[in-house]
Amino acid sequence: MPESLCPCHNDSLPLVKDLIAQVMAMHPKATFLHIGCDEVFHLGECTPCAGNPRAAVFTGYVSAVASHVRTAYPGVTPVIWDDMLRNMMPAELQPLAGLVEPMVWVYAEEIYRFVPSYTWSRFAEVFDTVWTASAFKGAHGPTLNAPNVQRHLTNNVNWLELMGAEATKFRSGMRGIVITGWQRYDHFAVLCELLPAGLPSMAVSLLAAKYGYFNASGSGGEQIAHLQKALECVGARSAMQQESLDLNEDPFLFDKMSWCYFPGASVFKLVRALEVTREEVRAYLKKATYEQAWLTDYNIRRNYTSPFRIDEGMEEWSIQLNSVVNLIRTAKQALSEVFDEYTVAEWVEQKVYPLYRDLTELRNRAGLARSRITWPARPLMPLKELAQFGIGVVETTTTKSPLAEAKRKLVTPETGRPKRLVQMPDYYRHPPGSR
């Protein structure tokens, strides 16, 4: 799989060494180097690695890379993600002792659920110290546009409490906490929260790490004032003047930060505009094509609907399209202040263009249906594709049913018209079967 590097391939280590050289050339004063090694979902599945224990394959590769780092760059300590180590026993971890420092990452609120206390004890038998890693964005959904500040704050505060409880197990304690922020989940994923959209969340998380807590109420004046200053929330109309944050009602801080002017604030406000526009467009499309009965998939597929109802359903269309077009123009301007043209184009294609496309397709379908001036009588012929389920199939049989035979006799063969039933004059006097 392309997400993983084969640790047993002869060319893998030279490639990684080249990558390390490029990174160290850009950071010659670095004393720590993170070499990754997380989420190796397909470890040991290829032919070169087959037959070897997964733990041995992993630790053997990490040992080779870490040894190279320590030899080629004296004074630099390799750091690795911990998730591949959590299910290993101390004896399996031993090859990494003295070579690397694990960085234990959990971005959810319930940290002990993923790294129980016994895992910390196991790590402490092998490693003198560890790092921890929280997140301020890019962790609660691969397509999110803005981070939920409350969830990330809870994650960071819970980490601080856990570190206080588990640090004493390690001979050298814990190195500290790294507050991460991801912009996509992997190389093939679409963009999640952009950095500017996550800066308010990052500021809150950093304040929590600094103070050991975060007081969002009015009594937390010092922290709120610090946050306001850091994010340049100035002016008489600043929503921060109340010196309180309601993270339950405003989890993305869209309301409180609407009058802040930190670098990238235009992108943060763009994301808020995206959320509003997308909700309105989706609500309109749902109403027009699902909740109402004249522009549904059935109507379009059959080209069978009312022109009057089409006009009625398209009344809001121009308003919605103008909102999307204006959003695209705003996105180009705001994103270009921070990102290159490729990122600008990718974000617009992923986040806004689908709205434009869906609205355009609705207009085209409605226009085609609107042009029809004659319609077949109901019932319409069953959809051919339903025949595979036995729906709409006309059953043929050589046996004539009594009802079908009766109907046949009531039709004049020459004209195909129903026969005229005429009673004989003596019908009531001598009914059939009375003689």
Protein backbone atom coordinates (compact mmCIF):
# COMPACT_ATOMS: atom_id res chain seq x y z
CA MET A 1 0.00 0.00 0.00
CA PRO A 2 1.33 3.48 -0.85
CA GLU A 3 0.80 4.78 2.71
CA SER A 4 3.59 2.57 4.05
CA LEU A 5 7.26 2.15 3.24
CA CYS A 6 8.45 -1.46 3.04
CA PRO A 7 11.02 -1.78 5.83
CA CYS A 8 12.53 -4.90 4.25
CA HIS A 9 13.17 -3.44 0.82
CA ASN A 10 16.85 -2.82 0.06
CA ASP A 11 16.20 0.71 -1.23
CA SER A 12 14.04 1.88 1.69
CA LEU A 13 16.80 2.85 4.12
CA PRO A 14 18.83 4.84 1.53
CA LEU A 15 15.66 6.75 0.62
CA VAL A 16 14.93 7.58 4.26
CA LYS A 17 18.54 8.65 4.84
CA ASP A 18 18.22 11.06 1.93
CA LEU A 19 15.00 12.51 3.38
CA ILE A 20 16.66 12.94 6.77
CA ALA A 21 19.59 14.74 5.17
CA GLN A 22 17.24 17.21 3.51
CA VAL A 23 15.41 17.93 6.77
CA MET A 24 18.60 18.35 8.80
CA ALA A 25 20.05 20.67 6.16
CA MET A 26 17.07 22.96 6.79
CA HIS A 27 17.37 22.63 10.59
CA PRO A 28 21.10 22.33 11.40
CA LYS A 29 20.61 23.35 15.05
CA ALA A 30 17.93 20.77 15.80
CA THR A 31 18.45 18.54 18.82
CA PHE A 32 15.44 16.29 18.20
CA LEU A 33 14.27 14.70 14.95
CA HIS A 34 10.84 13.11 14.62
CA ILE A 35 11.09 10.15 12.25
CA GLY A 36 7.38 9.26 12.23
CA CYS A 37 6.64 5.50 12.19
CA ASP A 38 2.94 5.70 13.11
CA GLU A 39 -0.10 3.89 11.71
CA VAL A 40 1.78 1.27 9.69
CA PHE A 41 -1.44 -0.55 8.89
CA HIS A 42 0.07 -2.96 6.35
CA LEU A 43 3.28 -3.87 8.15
CA GLY A 44 4.76 -7.23 7.18
CA GLU A 45 2.31 -7.99 4.37
CA CYS A 46 4.74 -7.78 1.45
CA THR A 47 6.89 -10.65 0.17
CA PRO A 48 10.26 -9.40 1.57
CA CYS A 49 8.80 -9.11 5.08
CA ALA A 50 6.67 -12.26 5.01
CA GLY A 51 7.40 -14.81 7.71
CA ASN A 52 8.97 -12.33 10.13
CA PRO A 53 7.21 -11.23 13.35
CA ARG A 54 5.59 -7.82 12.92
CA ALA A 55 7.20 -6.45 16.07
CA ALA A 56 10.66 -7.55 14.93
CA VAL A 57 10.16 -6.03 11.47
CA PHE A 58 9.11 -2.74 13.02
CA THR A 59 11.80 -2.46 15.69
CA GLY A 60 14.48 -3.60 13.26
CA TYR A 61 13.65 -0.84 10.80
CA VAL A 62 13.30 1.85 13.49
CA SER A 63 16.62 0.79 15.03
CA ALA A 64 18.37 1.15 11.68
CA VAL A 65 16.96 4.64 11.07
CA ALA A 66 17.54 5.83 14.64
CA SER A 67 21.11 4.51 14.67
CA HIS A 68 21.81 6.41 11.45
CA VAL A 69 20.46 9.63 12.96
CA ARG A 70 22.58 9.32 16.09
CA THR A 71 25.70 8.46 14.07
CA ALA A 72 25.32 11.04 11.31
CA TYR A 73 24.06 13.82 13.56
CA PRO A 74 25.63 13.59 17.04
CA GLY A 75 23.52 15.24 19.69
CA VAL A 76 20.26 14.69 17.81
CA THR A 77 17.73 12.41 19.52
CA PRO A 78 15.25 10.52 17.29
CA VAL A 79 11.58 10.69 18.30
CA ILE A 80 8.86 8.30 17.06
CA TRP A 81 5.10 8.03 17.40
CA ASP A 82 4.07 5.45 19.97
CA ASP A 83 0.96 3.76 18.54
CA MET A 84 2.86 0.84 16.97
CA LEU A 85 4.48 0.18 20.36
CA ARG A 86 1.36 0.04 22.53
CA ASN A 87 0.69 -3.65 22.05
CA MET A 88 4.30 -4.76 22.39
CA MET A 89 5.76 -6.34 25.50
CA PRO A 90 8.85 -4.81 27.17
CA ALA A 91 11.08 -7.54 25.69
CA GLU A 92 9.88 -6.62 22.18
CA LEU A 93 10.51 -2.94 22.87
CA GLN A 94 14.01 -3.49 24.23
CA PRO A 95 15.84 -3.01 20.85
CA LEU A 96 14.67 0.62 20.90
CA ALA A 97 15.91 1.40 24.42
CA GLY A 98 18.41 4.24 24.38
CA LEU A 99 17.81 4.87 20.65
CA VAL A 100 14.49 6.69 20.49
CA GLU A 101 12.05 8.60 22.64
CA PRO A 102 8.37 7.73 22.03
CA MET A 103 5.81 10.48 21.57
CA VAL A 104 2.46 9.24 22.89
CA TRP A 105 -0.37 10.77 20.91
CA VAL A 106 -4.09 10.81 21.64
CA TYR A 107 -6.37 13.55 20.28
CA ALA A 108 -9.62 12.35 21.81
CA GLU A 109 -10.94 13.54 25.16
CA GLU A 110 -10.64 10.14 26.91
CA ILE A 111 -6.89 9.56 26.83
CA TYR A 112 -6.73 6.60 29.21
CA ARG A 113 -9.16 4.77 26.95
CA PHE A 114 -6.43 4.57 24.29
CA VAL A 115 -3.35 4.49 26.54
CA PRO A 116 -4.24 2.78 29.84
CA SER A 117 -2.10 3.14 32.93
CA TYR A 118 -0.47 -0.26 32.36
CA THR A 119 0.84 0.94 28.97
CA TRP A 120 2.68 3.78 30.72
CA SER A 121 4.18 1.27 33.14
CA ARG A 122 5.30 -0.89 30.24
CA PHE A 123 6.93 2.05 28.46
CA ALA A 124 8.66 3.08 31.69
CA GLU A 125 10.41 -0.29 31.85
CA VAL A 126 12.19 0.45 28.56
CA PHE A 127 12.37 4.22 28.05
CA ASP A 128 13.80 6.81 30.43
CA THR A 129 11.38 9.45 29.19
CA VAL A 130 8.52 10.03 26.75
CA TRP A 131 6.76 12.89 25.03
CA THR A 132 3.02 13.46 24.81
CA ALA A 133 1.05 14.92 21.93
CA SER A 134 -2.35 16.62 21.85
CA ALA A 135 -4.02 18.52 19.01
CA PHE A 136 -5.60 21.89 18.40
CA LYS A 137 -7.00 20.98 14.97
CA GLY A 138 -7.11 18.23 12.37
CA ALA A 139 -8.21 15.42 14.67
CA HIS A 140 -11.99 15.14 14.89
CA GLY A 141 -13.01 14.69 11.27
CA PRO A 142 -11.08 14.48 7.98
CA THR A 143 -13.33 17.00 6.22
CA LEU A 144 -13.91 19.55 8.98
CA ASN A 145 -13.41 23.21 8.14
CA ALA A 146 -12.88 24.59 11.66
CA PRO A 147 -11.84 22.88 14.89
CA ASN A 148 -14.17 22.42 17.82
CA VAL A 149 -12.34 24.50 20.44
CA GLN A 150 -14.12 22.86 23.37
CA ARG A 151 -13.10 19.33 22.34
CA HIS A 152 -9.46 20.27 21.80
CA LEU A 153 -9.34 22.21 25.06
CA THR A 154 -10.65 19.18 26.92
CA ASN A 155 -8.04 17.00 25.21
CA ASN A 156 -5.22 19.29 26.30
CA VAL A 157 -6.44 19.73 29.88
CA ASN A 158 -6.86 15.96 30.26
CA TRP A 159 -3.34 15.47 28.97
CA LEU A 160 -1.96 17.80 31.63
CA GLU A 161 -3.76 15.85 34.33
CA LEU A 162 -2.51 12.51 32.99
CA MET A 163 1.08 13.75 32.76
CA GLY A 164 0.93 14.73 36.40
CA ALA A 165 -0.19 11.22 37.29
CA GLU A 166 2.12 9.16 35.04
CA ALA A 167 5.35 11.18 34.81
CA THR A 168 6.79 9.78 38.02
CA LYS A 169 6.95 6.30 36.47
CA PHE A 170 9.80 7.40 34.17
CA ARG A 171 13.35 7.80 35.39
CA SER A 172 13.66 11.20 33.70
CA GLY A 173 10.02 12.18 33.86
CA MET A 174 8.30 13.43 30.71
CA ARG A 175 9.82 15.75 28.13
CA GLY A 176 6.65 17.76 27.67
CA ILE A 177 3.63 18.06 25.41
CA VAL A 178 3.52 18.83 21.69
CA ILE A 179 0.29 20.48 20.56
CA THR A 180 -0.13 19.29 16.99
CA GLY A 181 -2.29 20.64 14.17
CA TRP A 182 -2.94 18.58 11.06
CA GLN A 183 -4.04 19.90 7.67
CA ARG A 184 -4.92 16.57 6.07
CA TYR A 185 -5.14 13.04 7.45
CA ASP A 186 -2.74 11.52 4.94
CA HIS A 187 -1.26 12.16 1.51
CA PHE A 188 -4.44 11.05 -0.28
CA ALA A 189 -6.98 12.81 1.95
CA VAL A 190 -8.67 16.10 1.21
CA LEU A 191 -7.86 19.17 3.27
CA CYS A 192 -9.29 19.41 6.75
CA GLU A 193 -9.00 22.56 8.92
CA LEU A 194 -6.58 25.11 7.51
CA LEU A 195 -4.04 26.61 9.91
CA PRO A 196 -5.60 30.13 10.03
CA ALA A 197 -8.98 28.60 10.81
CA GLY A 198 -7.41 26.81 13.77
CA LEU A 199 -5.47 29.70 15.32
CA PRO A 200 -8.14 30.58 17.92
CA SER A 201 -8.18 26.93 19.01
CA MET A 202 -4.39 26.89 19.13
CA ALA A 203 -4.32 30.02 21.29
CA VAL A 204 -6.79 28.53 23.78
CA SER A 205 -4.83 25.27 23.95
CA LEU A 206 -1.53 27.10 24.47
CA LEU A 207 -3.02 29.15 27.30
CA ALA A 208 -4.30 25.95 28.90
CA ALA A 209 -0.83 24.42 28.65
CA LYS A 210 0.76 27.54 30.13
CA TYR A 211 -1.57 27.89 33.11
CA GLY A 212 -2.46 24.23 33.54
CA TYR A 213 -6.14 25.06 33.00
CA PHE A 214 -8.36 27.42 31.04
CA ASN A 215 -11.07 29.53 32.64
CA ALA A 216 -13.58 30.54 29.97
CA SER A 217 -15.92 32.30 32.42
CA GLY A 218 -15.90 35.94 33.38
CA SER A 219 -13.64 35.19 36.34
CA GLY A 220 -10.88 34.13 33.96
CA GLY A 221 -10.10 37.73 33.08
CA GLU A 222 -6.33 37.32 32.79
CA GLN A 223 -6.54 34.44 30.34
CA ILE A 224 -9.31 36.05 28.29
CA ALA A 225 -7.37 39.30 28.12
CA HIS A 226 -4.27 37.39 27.02
CA LEU A 227 -6.30 35.62 24.33
CA GLN A 228 -7.81 38.90 23.15
CA LYS A 229 -4.40 40.52 22.87
CA ALA A 230 -2.78 37.57 21.10
CA LEU A 231 -5.54 37.40 18.48
CA GLU A 232 -5.71 41.18 18.07
CA CYS A 233 -9.34 41.42 19.08
CA VAL A 234 -9.53 45.21 19.21
CA GLY A 235 -12.13 47.91 18.65
CA ALA A 236 -15.26 49.05 20.41
CA ARG A 237 -17.32 46.40 18.67
CA SER A 238 -15.15 43.56 19.92
CA ALA A 239 -17.32 40.65 21.04
CA MET A 240 -14.58 39.75 23.51
CA GLN A 241 -15.33 42.72 25.77
CA GLN A 242 -17.58 40.57 27.93
CA GLU A 243 -14.47 38.63 28.94
CA SER A 244 -16.12 35.24 28.76
CA LEU A 245 -16.35 32.40 26.27
CA ASP A 246 -19.32 30.10 25.93
CA LEU A 247 -17.71 27.13 24.20
CA ASN A 248 -20.93 25.15 24.32
CA GLU A 249 -22.92 27.73 22.36
CA ASP A 250 -19.97 28.93 20.28
CA PRO A 251 -17.67 25.86 19.97
CA PHE A 252 -15.77 27.23 16.95
CA LEU A 253 -15.53 30.78 18.40
CA PHE A 254 -17.08 32.17 15.23
CA ASP A 255 -19.06 34.73 17.24
CA LYS A 256 -16.39 35.83 19.69
CA MET A 257 -13.59 36.04 17.13
CA SER A 258 -15.57 37.83 14.42
CA TRP A 259 -13.93 41.13 15.35
CA CYS A 260 -10.39 39.84 15.71
CA TYR A 261 -7.66 40.64 13.20
CA PHE A 262 -4.91 38.10 13.78
CA PRO A 263 -2.83 37.00 10.75
CA GLY A 264 -5.10 34.79 8.68
CA ALA A 265 -8.30 36.13 10.26
CA SER A 266 -9.78 36.58 6.79
CA VAL A 267 -9.49 32.80 6.27
CA PHE A 268 -11.13 32.15 9.64
CA LYS A 269 -14.04 34.40 8.65
CA LEU A 270 -14.15 32.75 5.21
CA VAL A 271 -14.70 29.38 6.90
CA ARG A 272 -17.61 30.81 8.84
CA ALA A 273 -19.10 32.15 5.60
CA LEU A 274 -18.63 28.72 4.03
CA GLU A 275 -20.52 27.00 6.84
CA VAL A 276 -23.44 29.44 6.53
CA THR A 277 -23.58 29.32 2.73
CA ARG A 278 -23.29 25.55 2.57
CA GLU A 279 -26.08 25.09 5.09
CA GLU A 280 -28.37 27.43 3.13
CA VAL A 281 -27.60 25.87 -0.27
CA ARG A 282 -28.02 22.32 1.01
CA ALA A 283 -31.31 23.24 2.66
CA TYR A 284 -32.54 24.74 -0.62
CA LEU A 285 -31.45 21.72 -2.66
CA LYS A 286 -33.04 19.36 -0.19
CA LYS A 287 -36.30 21.29 -0.31
CA ALA A 288 -36.32 21.52 -4.11
CA THR A 289 -35.28 17.96 -4.93
CA TYR A 290 -36.42 15.89 -1.97
CA GLU A 291 -39.07 17.58 0.15
CA GLN A 292 -41.06 18.94 -2.79
CA ALA A 293 -42.61 16.57 -5.33
CA TRP A 294 -41.74 18.05 -8.73
CA LEU A 295 -37.92 18.10 -9.05
CA THR A 296 -37.08 14.77 -7.44
CA ASP A 297 -34.86 12.18 -9.09
CA TYR A 298 -38.01 10.43 -10.26
CA ASN A 299 -39.33 13.57 -11.97
CA ILE A 300 -36.03 14.29 -13.68
CA ARG A 301 -35.42 10.69 -14.72
CA ARG A 302 -38.91 10.45 -16.20
CA ASN A 303 -38.92 14.02 -17.51
CA TYR A 304 -42.37 14.18 -16.03
CA THR A 305 -43.28 17.23 -13.99
CA SER A 306 -45.25 20.46 -13.89
CA PRO A 307 -43.73 23.58 -15.54
CA PHE A 308 -45.53 25.75 -13.02
CA ARG A 309 -44.04 23.80 -10.12
CA ILE A 310 -40.58 23.98 -11.72
CA ASP A 311 -40.80 27.77 -11.85
CA GLU A 312 -41.95 27.79 -8.26
CA GLY A 313 -39.05 25.58 -7.13
CA MET A 314 -36.47 27.66 -8.98
CA GLU A 315 -37.46 31.01 -7.50
CA GLU A 316 -34.61 30.96 -4.95
CA TRP A 317 -32.05 29.52 -7.35
CA SER A 318 -30.46 32.82 -8.43
CA ILE A 319 -30.04 33.96 -4.84
CA GLN A 320 -28.29 30.74 -3.89
CA LEU A 321 -26.01 30.81 -6.93
CA ASN A 322 -24.98 34.42 -6.27
CA SER A 323 -24.05 33.48 -2.69
CA VAL A 324 -21.81 30.67 -3.93
CA VAL A 325 -20.15 32.80 -6.63
CA ASN A 326 -19.43 35.55 -4.09
CA LEU A 327 -18.00 32.96 -1.72
CA ILE A 328 -15.63 31.70 -4.44
CA ARG A 329 -14.39 35.25 -5.05
CA THR A 330 -13.94 35.85 -1.33
CA ALA A 331 -12.08 32.56 -0.96
CA LYS A 332 -9.66 33.44 -3.74
CA GLN A 333 -8.79 36.73 -2.11
CA ALA A 334 -8.53 35.46 1.47
CA LEU A 335 -6.65 32.23 0.75
CA SER A 336 -4.18 33.91 -1.62
CA GLU A 337 -2.89 35.98 1.31
CA VAL A 338 -1.60 32.80 2.98
CA PHE A 339 -1.41 29.89 0.51
CA ASP A 340 -0.05 29.16 -2.94
CA GLU A 341 -2.29 28.86 -5.98
CA TYR A 342 -2.47 25.07 -5.72
CA THR A 343 -3.86 25.13 -2.19
CA VAL A 344 -6.29 27.90 -3.10
CA ALA A 345 -7.59 25.89 -6.04
CA GLU A 346 -7.75 22.65 -4.03
CA TRP A 347 -9.69 24.21 -1.16
CA VAL A 348 -12.20 25.90 -3.47
CA GLU A 349 -12.65 22.69 -5.49
CA GLN A 350 -13.25 20.60 -2.38
CA LYS A 351 -15.31 22.98 -0.27
CA VAL A 352 -17.19 25.41 -2.52
CA TYR A 353 -17.26 24.11 -6.08
CA PRO A 354 -19.59 21.18 -5.24
CA LEU A 355 -22.24 23.73 -4.27
CA TYR A 356 -21.84 25.53 -7.59
CA ARG A 357 -21.93 22.24 -9.48
CA ASP A 358 -25.07 21.00 -7.71
CA LEU A 359 -26.89 24.27 -8.34
CA THR A 360 -25.84 24.27 -11.99
CA GLU A 361 -27.00 20.69 -12.46
CA LEU A 362 -30.35 21.54 -10.91
CA ARG A 363 -30.79 24.45 -13.33
CA ASN A 364 -29.91 22.27 -16.32
CA ARG A 365 -32.28 19.51 -15.27
CA ALA A 366 -35.06 21.95 -14.55
CA GLY A 367 -34.54 23.61 -17.92
CA LEU A 368 -34.79 20.31 -19.76
CA ALA A 369 -37.92 19.31 -17.90
CA ARG A 370 -39.40 22.78 -18.41
CA SER A 371 -39.13 22.50 -22.19
CA ARG A 372 -41.55 19.60 -22.45
CA ILE A 373 -45.06 20.43 -23.71
CA THR A 374 -46.67 16.98 -23.87
CA TRP A 375 -46.79 14.22 -21.27
CA PRO A 376 -47.84 10.58 -21.36
CA ALA A 377 -50.86 9.42 -19.43
CA ARG A 378 -50.43 7.56 -16.19
CA PRO A 379 -49.61 4.85 -15.28
CA LEU A 380 -46.03 5.20 -16.55
CA MET A 381 -44.14 2.13 -17.65
CA PRO A 382 -42.08 0.57 -14.83
CA LEU A 383 -38.37 1.33 -14.73
CA LYS A 384 -36.49 -1.34 -16.68
CA GLU A 385 -33.78 -1.62 -14.02
CA LEU A 386 -36.35 -2.84 -11.52
CA ALA A 387 -36.92 -5.99 -13.56
CA GLN A 388 -33.95 -7.63 -11.80
CA PHE A 389 -36.04 -7.52 -8.62
CA GLY A 390 -39.11 -8.89 -10.33
CA ILE A 391 -40.80 -5.48 -10.25
CA GLY A 392 -42.71 -4.32 -13.29
CA VAL A 393 -42.17 -7.62 -15.15
CA VAL A 394 -45.11 -8.66 -17.31
CA GLU A 395 -45.68 -12.35 -16.61
CA THR A 396 -46.53 -14.47 -19.68
CA THR A 397 -48.59 -17.70 -19.39
CA THR A 398 -50.38 -20.08 -21.77
CA THR A 399 -53.30 -20.48 -19.38
CA LYS A 400 -56.05 -17.93 -19.87
CA SER A 401 -57.61 -16.68 -16.67
CA PRO A 402 -61.43 -16.55 -16.45
CA LEU A 403 -61.29 -12.77 -15.97
CA ALA A 404 -59.13 -12.26 -19.06
CA GLU A 405 -61.43 -14.52 -21.11
CA ALA A 406 -64.49 -12.60 -19.98
CA LYS A 407 -62.90 -9.30 -20.98
CA ARG A 408 -61.99 -10.75 -24.38
CA LYS A 409 -65.58 -11.73 -25.10
CA LEU A 410 -66.74 -8.21 -24.30
CA VAL A 411 -64.68 -6.75 -27.14
CA THR A 412 -65.72 -6.74 -30.79
CA PRO A 413 -62.80 -8.23 -32.79
CA GLU A 414 -63.32 -5.97 -35.83
CA THR A 415 -63.27 -2.66 -33.99
CA GLY A 416 -61.68 -3.46 -30.62
CA ARG A 417 -64.54 -1.61 -28.99
CA PRO A 418 -66.61 -3.01 -26.10
CA LYS A 419 -69.63 -5.01 -27.26
CA ARG A 420 -73.08 -3.54 -26.70
CA LEU A 421 -75.03 -5.74 -24.33
CA VAL A 422 -78.61 -6.22 -25.58
CA GLN A 423 -81.17 -8.19 -23.61
CA MET A 424 -83.57 -10.43 -25.53
CA PRO A 425 -87.27 -9.44 -25.28
CA ASP A 426 -88.15 -12.51 -23.24
CA TYR A 427 -85.14 -12.25 -20.88
CA TYR A 428 -87.24 -11.64 -17.79
CA ARG A 429 -89.97 -14.04 -18.91
CA HIS A 430 -87.60 -16.87 -19.68
CA PRO A 431 -84.18 -16.10 -18.07
CA PRO A 432 -81.22 -18.24 -19.19
CA GLY A 433 -81.19 -21.72 -17.58
CA SER A 434 -84.89 -21.65 -16.67
CA ARG A 435 -85.86 -24.18 -19.34
